[in-house]
PDB file of N, CA and C in Angstrom:
ATOM      1  N   MET A   1      34.504 -53.219   1.290  1.00  0.00           N
ATOM      2  CA  MET A   1      36.397 -53.008   0.808  1.00  0.00           C
ATOM      3  C   MET A   1      36.701 -54.415   0.554  1.00  0.00           C
ATOM      4  N   LYS A   2      36.899 -55.157   0.051  1.00  0.00           N
ATOM      5  CA  LYS A   2      37.347 -56.998   0.495  1.00  0.00           C
ATOM      6  C   LYS A   2      38.892 -56.557  -0.094  1.00  0.00           C
ATOM      7  N   PRO A   3      39.885 -57.631   0.399  1.00  0.00           N
ATOM      8  CA  PRO A   3      41.560 -58.041   0.323  1.00  0.00           C
ATOM      9  C   PRO A   3      41.089 -59.085  -1.012  1.00  0.00           C
ATOM     10  N   SER A   4      42.007 -58.451  -2.484  1.00  0.00           N
ATOM     11  CA  SER A   4      42.212 -59.155  -3.466  1.00  0.00           C
ATOM     12  C   SER A   4      42.485 -60.866  -2.839  1.00  0.00           C
ATOM     13  N   ARG A   5      41.940 -62.015  -4.631  1.00  0.00           N
ATOM     14  CA  ARG A   5      42.166 -62.698  -3.791  1.00  0.00           C
ATOM     15  C   ARG A   5      43.685 -63.681  -3.855  1.00  0.00           C
ATOM     16  N   HIS A   6      44.838 -62.737  -4.381  1.00  0.00           N
ATOM     17  CA  HIS A   6      46.157 -62.857  -4.277  1.00  0.00           C
ATOM     18  C   HIS A   6      46.835 -62.671  -3.002  1.00  0.00           C
ATOM     19  N   HIS A   7      46.022 -61.928  -2.428  1.00  0.00           N
ATOM     20  CA  HIS A   7      46.627 -61.794  -0.764  1.00  0.00           C
ATOM     21  C   HIS A   7      45.943 -62.701   0.309  1.00  0.00           C
ATOM     22  N   LEU A   8      45.136 -63.417  -0.244  1.00  0.00           N
ATOM     23  CA  LEU A   8      44.335 -64.728   0.296  1.00  0.00           C
ATOM     24  C   LEU A   8      45.006 -65.824   1.137  1.00  0.00           C
ATOM     25  N   THR A   9      45.318 -66.314   2.349  1.00  0.00           N
ATOM     26  CA  THR A   9      46.173 -66.859   2.664  1.00  0.00           C
ATOM     27  C   THR A   9      45.492 -67.654   3.375  1.00  0.00           C
ATOM     28  N   ARG A  10      45.639 -69.357   4.393  1.00  0.00           N
ATOM     29  CA  ARG A  10      45.164 -69.664   5.165  1.00  0.00           C
ATOM     30  C   ARG A  10      45.991 -70.085   6.455  1.00  0.00           C
ATOM     31  N   CYS A  11      45.603 -69.733   7.804  1.00  0.00           N
ATOM     32  CA  CYS A  11      45.733 -69.990   9.103  1.00  0.00           C
ATOM     33  C   CYS A  11      46.274 -71.379   8.956  1.00  0.00           C
ATOM     34  N   ARG A  12      47.858 -71.327   9.591  1.00  0.00           N
ATOM     35  CA  ARG A  12      48.417 -72.768   9.455  1.00  0.00           C
ATOM     36  C   ARG A  12      47.238 -73.793  10.709  1.00  0.00           C
ATOM     37  N   ARG A  13      46.944 -72.910  11.955  1.00  0.00           N
ATOM     38  CA  ARG A  13      46.422 -73.601  12.990  1.00  0.00           C
ATOM     39  C   ARG A  13      44.769 -73.739  12.653  1.00  0.00           C
ATOM     40  N   CYS A  14      44.005 -72.948  12.560  1.00  0.00           N
ATOM     41  CA  CYS A  14      42.448 -73.650  12.143  1.00  0.00           C
ATOM     42  C   CYS A  14      42.414 -73.067  11.109  1.00  0.00           C
ATOM     43  N   GLY A  15      43.011 -72.895   9.902  1.00  0.00           N
ATOM     44  CA  GLY A  15      42.376 -73.068   8.789  1.00  0.00           C
ATOM     45  C   GLY A  15      41.494 -71.967   7.606  1.00  0.00           C
ATOM     46  N   ALA A  16      41.435 -71.180   8.743  1.00  0.00           N
ATOM     47  CA  ALA A  16      40.668 -69.775   8.523  1.00  0.00           C
ATOM     48  C   ALA A  16      41.183 -68.895   6.829  1.00  0.00           C
ATOM     49  N   PRO A  17      40.467 -68.508   6.382  1.00  0.00           N
ATOM     50  CA  PRO A  17      41.107 -67.132   5.525  1.00  0.00           C
ATOM     51  C   PRO A  17      41.885 -66.236   6.065  1.00  0.00           C
ATOM     52  N   ILE A  18      42.817 -65.840   5.928  1.00  0.00           N
ATOM     53  CA  ILE A  18      43.274 -64.840   6.496  1.00  0.00           C
ATOM     54  C   ILE A  18      44.532 -64.039   5.372  1.00  0.00           C
ATOM     55  N   CYS A  19      45.051 -62.787   5.910  1.00  0.00           N
ATOM     56  CA  CYS A  19      45.436 -61.812   4.691  1.00  0.00           C
ATOM     57  C   CYS A  19      46.738 -61.138   5.764  1.00  0.00           C
ATOM     58  N   TRP A  20      47.744 -61.127   5.026  1.00  0.00           N
ATOM     59  CA  TRP A  20      48.748 -60.797   5.978  1.00  0.00           C
ATOM     60  C   TRP A  20      49.613 -59.029   6.011  1.00  0.00           C
ATOM     61  N   ALA A  21      49.273 -58.231   6.501  1.00  0.00           N
ATOM     62  CA  ALA A  21      49.589 -57.198   6.227  1.00  0.00           C
ATOM     63  C   ALA A  21      50.620 -56.201   7.311  1.00  0.00           C
ATOM     64  N   LEU A  22      50.755 -55.117   6.542  1.00  0.00           N
ATOM     65  CA  LEU A  22      52.425 -54.496   7.463  1.00  0.00           C
ATOM     66  C   LEU A  22      51.577 -53.614   8.261  1.00  0.00           C
ATOM     67  N   THR A  23      51.786 -53.285   9.651  1.00  0.00           N
ATOM     68  CA  THR A  23      51.674 -52.211  10.363  1.00  0.00           C
ATOM     69  C   THR A  23      51.910 -51.172  10.192  1.00  0.00           C
ATOM     70  N   SER A  24      51.482 -50.096  10.076  1.00  0.00           N
ATOM     71  CA  SER A  24      51.808 -48.911   9.631  1.00  0.00           C
ATOM     72  C   SER A  24      52.805 -48.133  10.839  1.00  0.00           C
ATOM     73  N   ALA A  25      52.860 -48.514  11.873  1.00  0.00           N
ATOM     74  CA  ALA A  25      53.539 -48.624  12.772  1.00  0.00           C
ATOM     75  C   ALA A  25      54.745 -48.443  12.977  1.00  0.00           C
ATOM     76  N   ASN A  26      55.171 -50.285  12.559  1.00  0.00           N
ATOM     77  CA  ASN A  26      56.707 -50.469  12.465  1.00  0.00           C
ATOM     78  C   ASN A  26      56.915 -51.430  11.657  1.00  0.00           C
ATOM     79  N   GLY A  27      56.044 -51.356  10.097  1.00  0.00           N
ATOM     80  CA  GLY A  27      56.250 -51.911   9.543  1.00  0.00           C
ATOM     81  C   GLY A  27      56.257 -53.988   9.893  1.00  0.00           C
ATOM     82  N   ARG A  28      55.774 -54.295  10.855  1.00  0.00           N
ATOM     83  CA  ARG A  28      56.265 -55.697  11.319  1.00  0.00           C
ATOM     84  C   ARG A  28      54.785 -56.226  10.322  1.00  0.00           C
ATOM     85  N   ARG A  29      54.776 -57.951   9.728  1.00  0.00           N
ATOM     86  CA  ARG A  29      53.698 -58.233   9.651  1.00  0.00           C
ATOM     87  C   ARG A  29      52.329 -58.863  10.226  1.00  0.00           C
ATOM     88  N   GLN A  30      51.003 -58.258  10.469  1.00  0.00           N
ATOM     89  CA  GLN A  30      50.383 -58.979  10.995  1.00  0.00           C
ATOM     90  C   GLN A  30      49.443 -59.878  10.522  1.00  0.00           C
ATOM     91  N   PRO A  31      48.590 -60.898  10.897  1.00  0.00           N
ATOM     92  CA  PRO A  31      47.759 -61.601  10.262  1.00  0.00           C
ATOM     93  C   PRO A  31      46.328 -61.015  10.559  1.00  0.00           C
ATOM     94  N   ILE A  32      45.655 -60.555   9.780  1.00  0.00           N
ATOM     95  CA  ILE A  32      44.129 -60.033   9.847  1.00  0.00           C
ATOM     96  C   ILE A  32      43.246 -61.538   9.302  1.00  0.00           C
ATOM     97  N   ASP A  33      41.929 -60.731  10.125  1.00  0.00           N
ATOM     98  CA  ASP A  33      40.664 -62.101   9.227  1.00  0.00           C
ATOM     99  C   ASP A  33      40.461 -61.345   8.253  1.00  0.00           C
ATOM    100  N   ALA A  34      40.001 -62.468   6.496  1.00  0.00           N
ATOM    101  CA  ALA A  34      39.996 -61.965   5.590  1.00  0.00           C
ATOM    102  C   ALA A  34      38.501 -61.272   5.383  1.00  0.00           C
ATOM    103  N   GLU A  35      37.898 -61.448   6.188  1.00  0.00           N
ATOM    104  CA  GLU A  35      36.305 -60.437   5.727  1.00  0.00           C
ATOM    105  C   GLU A  35      36.441 -59.855   6.790  1.00  0.00           C
ATOM    106  N   PRO A  36      35.806 -58.336   5.570  1.00  0.00           N
ATOM    107  CA  PRO A  36      35.678 -56.921   6.514  1.00  0.00           C
ATOM    108  C   PRO A  36      34.471 -57.229   7.937  1.00  0.00           C
ATOM    109  N   THR A  37      34.611 -56.675   8.735  1.00  0.00           N
ATOM    110  CA  THR A  37      33.444 -56.473   9.626  1.00  0.00           C
ATOM    111  C   THR A  37      33.039 -54.503  10.479  1.00  0.00           C
ATOM    112  N   GLU A  38      32.629 -54.979  11.091  1.00  0.00           N
ATOM    113  CA  GLU A  38      32.265 -53.549  11.181  1.00  0.00           C
ATOM    114  C   GLU A  38      32.593 -53.520  13.151  1.00  0.00           C
ATOM    115  N   ALA A  39      33.237 -54.529  13.691  1.00  0.00           N
ATOM    116  CA  ALA A  39      33.382 -55.137  14.904  1.00  0.00           C
ATOM    117  C   ALA A  39      35.120 -55.095  15.279  1.00  0.00           C
ATOM    118  N   GLY A  40      35.608 -54.806  14.009  1.00  0.00           N
ATOM    119  CA  GLY A  40      37.053 -54.851  13.599  1.00  0.00           C
ATOM    120  C   GLY A  40      37.687 -53.433  14.350  1.00  0.00           C
ATOM    121  N   ASN A  41      38.771 -53.646  14.730  1.00  0.00           N
ATOM    122  CA  ASN A  41      39.522 -52.629  15.864  1.00  0.00           C
ATOM    123  C   ASN A  41      40.747 -52.099  14.935  1.00  0.00           C
ATOM    124  N   LEU A  42      40.651 -52.811  13.370  1.00  0.00           N
ATOM    125  CA  LEU A  42      41.865 -52.604  12.839  1.00  0.00           C
ATOM    126  C   LEU A  42      41.594 -51.556  11.005  1.00  0.00           C
ATOM    127  N   ALA A  43      42.081 -51.004  10.772  1.00  0.00           N
ATOM    128  CA  ALA A  43      41.720 -50.167   9.520  1.00  0.00           C
ATOM    129  C   ALA A  43      42.870 -50.772   8.013  1.00  0.00           C
ATOM    130  N   VAL A  44      42.443 -51.491   7.408  1.00  0.00           N
ATOM    131  CA  VAL A  44      43.386 -51.607   6.319  1.00  0.00           C
ATOM    132  C   VAL A  44      42.886 -51.134   5.195  1.00  0.00           C
ATOM    133  N   MET A  45      44.346 -51.075   4.383  1.00  0.00           N
ATOM    134  CA  MET A  45      44.154 -50.423   2.896  1.00  0.00           C
ATOM    135  C   MET A  45      45.158 -50.605   2.325  1.00  0.00           C
ATOM    136  N   GLN A  46      44.888 -51.060   0.423  1.00  0.00           N
ATOM    137  CA  GLN A  46      46.041 -51.468  -0.098  1.00  0.00           C
ATOM    138  C   GLN A  46      46.741 -50.402  -0.935  1.00  0.00           C
ATOM    139  N   ALA A  47      47.939 -50.298  -1.072  1.00  0.00           N
ATOM    140  CA  ALA A  47      48.784 -49.167  -1.366  1.00  0.00           C
ATOM    141  C   ALA A  47      48.667 -49.304  -2.900  1.00  0.00           C
ATOM    142  N   ALA A  48      49.604 -48.254  -3.398  1.00  0.00           N
ATOM    143  CA  ALA A  48      49.565 -48.457  -5.104  1.00  0.00           C
ATOM    144  C   ALA A  48      50.559 -49.553  -5.072  1.00  0.00           C
ATOM    145  N   ASP A  49      51.275 -50.029  -4.561  1.00  0.00           N
ATOM    146  CA  ASP A  49      51.918 -50.786  -5.086  1.00  0.00           C
ATOM    147  C   ASP A  49      51.358 -52.205  -4.698  1.00  0.00           C
ATOM    148  N   GLY A  50      50.321 -52.943  -4.558  1.00  0.00           N
ATOM    149  CA  GLY A  50      49.919 -53.759  -4.175  1.00  0.00           C
ATOM    150  C   GLY A  50      49.720 -54.759  -2.534  1.00  0.00           C
ATOM    151  N   VAL A  51      50.334 -53.632  -1.531  1.00  0.00           N
ATOM    152  CA  VAL A  51      51.128 -54.067  -0.671  1.00  0.00           C
ATOM    153  C   VAL A  51      49.701 -53.673   0.556  1.00  0.00           C
ATOM    154  N   LEU A  52      49.340 -54.520   1.644  1.00  0.00           N
ATOM    155  CA  LEU A  52      48.394 -54.257   2.313  1.00  0.00           C
ATOM    156  C   LEU A  52      48.829 -53.669   3.917  1.00  0.00           C
ATOM    157  N   TYR A  53      48.409 -52.536   4.372  1.00  0.00           N
ATOM    158  CA  TYR A  53      48.917 -51.777   5.774  1.00  0.00           C
ATOM    159  C   TYR A  53      47.827 -51.884   5.995  1.00  0.00           C
ATOM    160  N   VAL A  54      48.326 -51.783   7.547  1.00  0.00           N
ATOM    161  CA  VAL A  54      47.101 -52.184   8.404  1.00  0.00           C
ATOM    162  C   VAL A  54      47.516 -50.962   9.804  1.00  0.00           C
ATOM    163  N   ARG A  55      46.444 -50.363  10.214  1.00  0.00           N
ATOM    164  CA  ARG A  55      46.647 -49.260  11.650  1.00  0.00           C
ATOM    165  C   ARG A  55      45.757 -49.648  12.538  1.00  0.00           C
ATOM    166  N   ALA A  56      46.013 -48.933  14.041  1.00  0.00           N
ATOM    167  CA  ALA A  56      45.206 -49.395  14.879  1.00  0.00           C
ATOM    168  C   ALA A  56      43.749 -48.450  14.769  1.00  0.00           C
ATOM    169  N   VAL A  57      42.110 -48.397  14.623  1.00  0.00           N
ATOM    170  CA  VAL A  57      41.798 -47.629  15.197  1.00  0.00           C
ATOM    171  C   VAL A  57      41.471 -47.689  16.482  1.00  0.00           C
ATOM    172  N   THR A  58      41.814 -45.803  16.463  1.00  0.00           N
ATOM    173  CA  THR A  58      41.807 -45.492  18.331  1.00  0.00           C
ATOM    174  C   THR A  58      41.164 -44.117  18.057  1.00  0.00           C
ATOM    175  N   ALA A  59      40.998 -43.751  19.379  1.00  0.00           N
ATOM    176  CA  ALA A  59      40.330 -42.550  19.544  1.00  0.00           C
ATOM    177  C   ALA A  59      40.660 -41.807  19.532  1.00  0.00           C
ATOM    178  N   ALA A  60      41.757 -41.511  18.976  1.00  0.00           N
ATOM    179  CA  ALA A  60      42.671 -40.521  18.455  1.00  0.00           C
ATOM    180  C   ALA A  60      42.020 -40.655  17.289  1.00  0.00           C
ATOM    181  N   ARG A  61      42.057 -41.262  16.235  1.00  0.00           N
ATOM    182  CA  ARG A  61      41.570 -41.167  15.269  1.00  0.00           C
ATOM    183  C   ARG A  61      41.029 -42.332  14.665  1.00  0.00           C
ATOM    184  N   PRO A  62      39.343 -42.447  14.576  1.00  0.00           N
ATOM    185  CA  PRO A  62      38.580 -43.240  15.058  1.00  0.00           C
ATOM    186  C   PRO A  62      38.366 -43.575  13.337  1.00  0.00           C
ATOM    187  N   GLU A  63      38.367 -42.636  12.773  1.00  0.00           N
ATOM    188  CA  GLU A  63      37.826 -42.854  11.312  1.00  0.00           C
ATOM    189  C   GLU A  63      38.019 -43.536  10.461  1.00  0.00           C
ATOM    190  N   ILE A  64      37.047 -44.189   9.704  1.00  0.00           N
ATOM    191  CA  ILE A  64      37.870 -44.885   8.526  1.00  0.00           C
ATOM    192  C   ILE A  64      37.640 -43.993   7.032  1.00  0.00           C
ATOM    193  N   ARG A  65      39.233 -44.230   7.007  1.00  0.00           N
ATOM    194  CA  ARG A  65      39.169 -43.227   5.237  1.00  0.00           C
ATOM    195  C   ARG A  65      38.554 -43.761   3.977  1.00  0.00           C
ATOM    196  N   PRO A  66      38.293 -43.113   3.341  1.00  0.00           N
ATOM    197  CA  PRO A  66      38.134 -43.588   1.742  1.00  0.00           C
ATOM    198  C   PRO A  66      38.929 -44.658   1.383  1.00  0.00           C
ATOM    199  N   GLY A  67      38.711 -45.681   1.011  1.00  0.00           N
ATOM    200  CA  GLY A  67      39.638 -46.977   0.386  1.00  0.00           C
ATOM    201  C   GLY A  67      40.009 -47.904   1.482  1.00  0.00           C
ATOM    202  N   GLU A  68      39.642 -47.535   2.839  1.00  0.00           N
ATOM    203  CA  GLU A  68      40.080 -48.233   3.986  1.00  0.00           C
ATOM    204  C   GLU A  68      38.976 -49.347   4.359  1.00  0.00           C
ATOM    205  N   TRP A  69      39.036 -50.307   4.737  1.00  0.00           N
ATOM    206  CA  TRP A  69      38.111 -51.513   5.241  1.00  0.00           C
ATOM    207  C   TRP A  69      38.604 -51.573   6.744  1.00  0.00           C
ATOM    208  N   GLN A  70      37.409 -52.131   7.334  1.00  0.00           N
ATOM    209  CA  GLN A  70      37.634 -52.144   8.810  1.00  0.00           C
ATOM    210  C   GLN A  70      38.332 -54.154   9.242  1.00  0.00           C
ATOM    211  N   ALA A  71      38.462 -54.904  10.075  1.00  0.00           N
ATOM    212  CA  ALA A  71      38.780 -55.514   9.692  1.00  0.00           C
ATOM    213  C   ALA A  71      39.679 -56.087  11.440  1.00  0.00           C
ATOM    214  N   MET A  72      39.622 -57.330  11.767  1.00  0.00           N
ATOM    215  CA  MET A  72      40.028 -57.635  13.129  1.00  0.00           C
ATOM    216  C   MET A  72      41.131 -58.381  12.696  1.00  0.00           C
ATOM    217  N   PRO A  73      42.290 -58.354  14.464  1.00  0.00           N
ATOM    218  CA  PRO A  73      43.026 -59.252  14.070  1.00  0.00           C
ATOM    219  C   PRO A  73      42.997 -60.823  14.010  1.00  0.00           C
ATOM    220  N   HIS A  74      43.813 -61.810  13.509  1.00  0.00           N
ATOM    221  CA  HIS A  74      43.207 -62.834  13.296  1.00  0.00           C
ATOM    222  C   HIS A  74      43.984 -63.405  14.934  1.00  0.00           C
ATOM    223  N   HIS A  75      44.570 -63.253  15.839  1.00  0.00           N
ATOM    224  CA  HIS A  75      44.913 -63.344  17.011  1.00  0.00           C
ATOM    225  C   HIS A  75      44.060 -63.423  17.693  1.00  0.00           C
ATOM    226  N   ALA A  76      42.962 -61.985  17.628  1.00  0.00           N
ATOM    227  CA  ALA A  76      41.551 -62.282  18.686  1.00  0.00           C
ATOM    228  C   ALA A  76      40.139 -63.383  17.465  1.00  0.00           C
ATOM    229  N   THR A  77      40.443 -63.609  16.626  1.00  0.00           N
ATOM    230  CA  THR A  77      39.795 -64.711  16.313  1.00  0.00           C
ATOM    231  C   THR A  77      40.018 -66.298  16.008  1.00  0.00           C
ATOM    232  N   CYS A  78      41.219 -66.481  16.195  1.00  0.00           N
ATOM    233  CA  CYS A  78      41.408 -67.613  15.814  1.00  0.00           C
ATOM    234  C   CYS A  78      41.268 -69.068  17.227  1.00  0.00           C
ATOM    235  N   THR A  79      40.658 -70.010  16.014  1.00  0.00           N
ATOM    236  CA  THR A  79      39.717 -71.209  17.399  1.00  0.00           C
ATOM    237  C   THR A  79      40.467 -72.127  17.823  1.00  0.00           C
ATOM    238  N   SER A  80      41.910 -72.272  17.297  1.00  0.00           N
ATOM    239  CA  SER A  80      43.459 -72.510  17.845  1.00  0.00           C
ATOM    240  C   SER A  80      44.763 -72.252  17.939  1.00  0.00           C
ATOM    241  N   PRO A  81      44.373 -71.150  18.718  1.00  0.00           N
ATOM    242  CA  PRO A  81      45.387 -70.295  19.270  1.00  0.00           C
ATOM    243  C   PRO A  81      46.927 -71.055  19.842  1.00  0.00           C
ATOM    244  N   PRO A  82      47.781 -70.528  19.286  1.00  0.00           N
ATOM    245  CA  PRO A  82      48.995 -71.130  20.101  1.00  0.00           C
ATOM    246  C   PRO A  82      49.158 -71.336  21.753  1.00  0.00           C
ATOM    247  N   PRO A  83      49.657 -71.917  22.211  1.00  0.00           N
ATOM    248  CA  PRO A  83      49.717 -72.230  23.660  1.00  0.00           C
ATOM    249  C   PRO A  83      50.573 -71.147  24.571  1.00  0.00           C
ATOM    250  N   ARG A  84      49.849 -70.637  25.441  1.00  0.00           N
ATOM    251  CA  ARG A  84      50.488 -69.365  26.232  1.00  0.00           C
ATOM    252  C   ARG A  84      51.295 -69.727  26.773  1.00  0.00           C
ATOM    253  N   ARG A  85      52.362 -68.962  26.940  1.00  0.00           N
ATOM    254  CA  ARG A  85      53.703 -69.391  27.441  1.00  0.00           C
ATOM    255  C   ARG A  85      53.663 -69.003  28.719  1.00  0.00           C
ATOM    256  N   SER A  86      54.034 -70.215  29.479  1.00  0.00           N
ATOM    257  CA  SER A  86      54.041 -69.925  31.241  1.00  0.00           C
ATOM    258  C   SER A  86      55.248 -68.657  31.512  1.00  0.00           C
ATOM    259  N   SER A  87      54.458 -67.869  32.332  1.00  0.00           N
ATOM    260  CA  SER A  87      55.917 -67.177  33.435  1.00  0.00           C
ATOM    261  C   SER A  87      56.165 -68.076  33.763  1.00  0.00           C
ATOM    262  N   SER A  88      57.353 -68.145  34.031  1.00  0.00           N
ATOM    263  CA  SER A  88      58.256 -69.259  34.993  1.00  0.00           C
ATOM    264  C   SER A  88      58.808 -68.817  36.387  1.00  0.00           C
ATOM    265  N   SER A  89      57.623 -69.303  37.638  1.00  0.00           N
ATOM    266  CA  SER A  89      57.910 -68.047  38.550  1.00  0.00           C
ATOM    267  C   SER A  89      59.428 -69.207  39.381  1.00  0.00           C
ATOM    268  N   GLY A  90      59.742 -70.351  39.009  1.00  0.00           N
ATOM    269  CA  GLY A  90      61.393 -70.566  39.317  1.00  0.00           C
ATOM    270  C   GLY A  90      62.265 -69.404  38.787  1.00  0.00           C
ATOM    271  N   GLN A  91      63.599 -69.933  39.534  1.00  0.00           N
ATOM    272  CA  GLN A  91      64.434 -69.134  38.948  1.00  0.00           C
ATOM    273  C   GLN A  91      65.755 -69.457  37.964  1.00  0.00           C
ATOM    274  N   ARG A  92      65.709 -69.206  37.187  1.00  0.00           N
ATOM    275  CA  ARG A  92      66.396 -69.214  35.826  1.00  0.00           C
ATOM    276  C   ARG A  92      67.860 -69.687  36.227  1.00  0.00           C
ATOM    277  N   ALA A  93      68.161 -70.413  35.445  1.00  0.00           N
ATOM    278  CA  ALA A  93      69.992 -70.738  36.021  1.00  0.00           C
ATOM    279  C   ALA A  93      70.405 -68.848  34.377  1.00  0.00           C
ATOM    280  N   ARG A  94      71.145 -68.437  35.652  1.00  0.00           N
ATOM    281  CA  ARG A  94      72.059 -67.240  35.403  1.00  0.00           C
ATOM    282  C   ARG A  94      72.759 -67.654  34.381  1.00  0.00           C
ATOM    283  N   SER A  95      73.635 -66.857  33.374  1.00  0.00           N
ATOM    284  CA  SER A  95      74.724 -67.008  32.671  1.00  0.00           C
ATOM    285  C   SER A  95      75.872 -65.835  33.002  1.00  0.00           C
ATOM    286  N   GLY A  96      76.659 -65.798  33.332  1.00  0.00           N
ATOM    287  CA  GLY A  96      77.656 -65.035  33.209  1.00  0.00           C
ATOM    288  C   GLY A  96      78.015 -64.527  34.816  1.00  0.00           C
ATOM    289  N   VAL A  97      77.397 -64.857  35.124  1.00  0.00           N
ATOM    290  CA  VAL A  97      77.751 -64.478  36.714  1.00  0.00           C
ATOM    291  C   VAL A  97      78.460 -66.173  37.616  1.00  0.00           C
ATOM    292  N   ARG A  98      79.364 -65.053  38.087  1.00  0.00           N
ATOM    293  CA  ARG A  98      80.461 -66.018  39.337  1.00  0.00           C
ATOM    294  C   ARG A  98      79.429 -67.323  39.900  1.00  0.00           C
ATOM    295  N   PRO A  99      79.957 -68.522  39.830  1.00  0.00           N
ATOM    296  CA  PRO A  99      78.719 -69.358  40.484  1.00  0.00           C
ATOM    297  C   PRO A  99      79.729 -69.605  42.200  1.00  0.00           C
ATOM    298  N   VAL A 100      80.504 -68.836  42.819  1.00  0.00           N
ATOM    299  CA  VAL A 100      80.968 -69.109  43.977  1.00  0.00           C
ATOM    300  C   VAL A 100      81.432 -67.326  44.179  1.00  0.00           C
ATOM    301  N   PRO A 101      81.855 -67.005  45.236  1.00  0.00           N
ATOM    302  CA  PRO A 101      81.379 -65.352  45.747  1.00  0.00           C
ATOM    303  C   PRO A 101      83.251 -64.934  45.921  1.00  0.00           C
ATOM    304  N   TRP A 102      83.339 -63.931  45.303  1.00  0.00           N
ATOM    305  CA  TRP A 102      84.673 -63.537  45.020  1.00  0.00           C
ATOM    306  C   TRP A 102      85.221 -63.499  46.473  1.00  0.00           C
ATOM    307  N   ALA A 103      86.579 -63.858  46.140  1.00  0.00           N
ATOM    308  CA  ALA A 103      87.582 -64.142  47.350  1.00  0.00           C
ATOM    309  C   ALA A 103      87.655 -63.275  48.003  1.00  0.00           C
ATOM    310  N   GLN A 104      87.993 -62.733  49.169  1.00  0.00           N
ATOM    311  CA  GLN A 104      88.495 -61.674  49.671  1.00  0.00           C
ATOM    312  C   GLN A 104      89.697 -61.324  50.288  1.00  0.00           C
ATOM    313  N   ARG A 105      90.878 -60.657  50.064  1.00  0.00           N
ATOM    314  CA  ARG A 105      92.044 -60.418  50.637  1.00  0.00           C
ATOM    315  C   ARG A 105      92.130 -59.980  51.953  1.00  0.00           C
TER     316      ARG A 105
END
């Protein structure tokens, strides 16, 4: 099963066709590839209200139910991913900390 046309949009970085779905775990939006694939680790379904919902295919729930299809998260397949954030090895500026030691009496 494929997502309907009104769910399709394009990735701003690579231009690939994607769909936005809500995660069943916490309701956050997640981009998924529009083309279903057997290698996907997500199960996507369209609810009665027309919203796409996605859940992870895990060892505890590996089966794909009727009405679901497998897809890949677009973050895993994007050809122009956003640059990685560097972990700063230097010290960060502290806020809310006294810049001098406490005066001793």
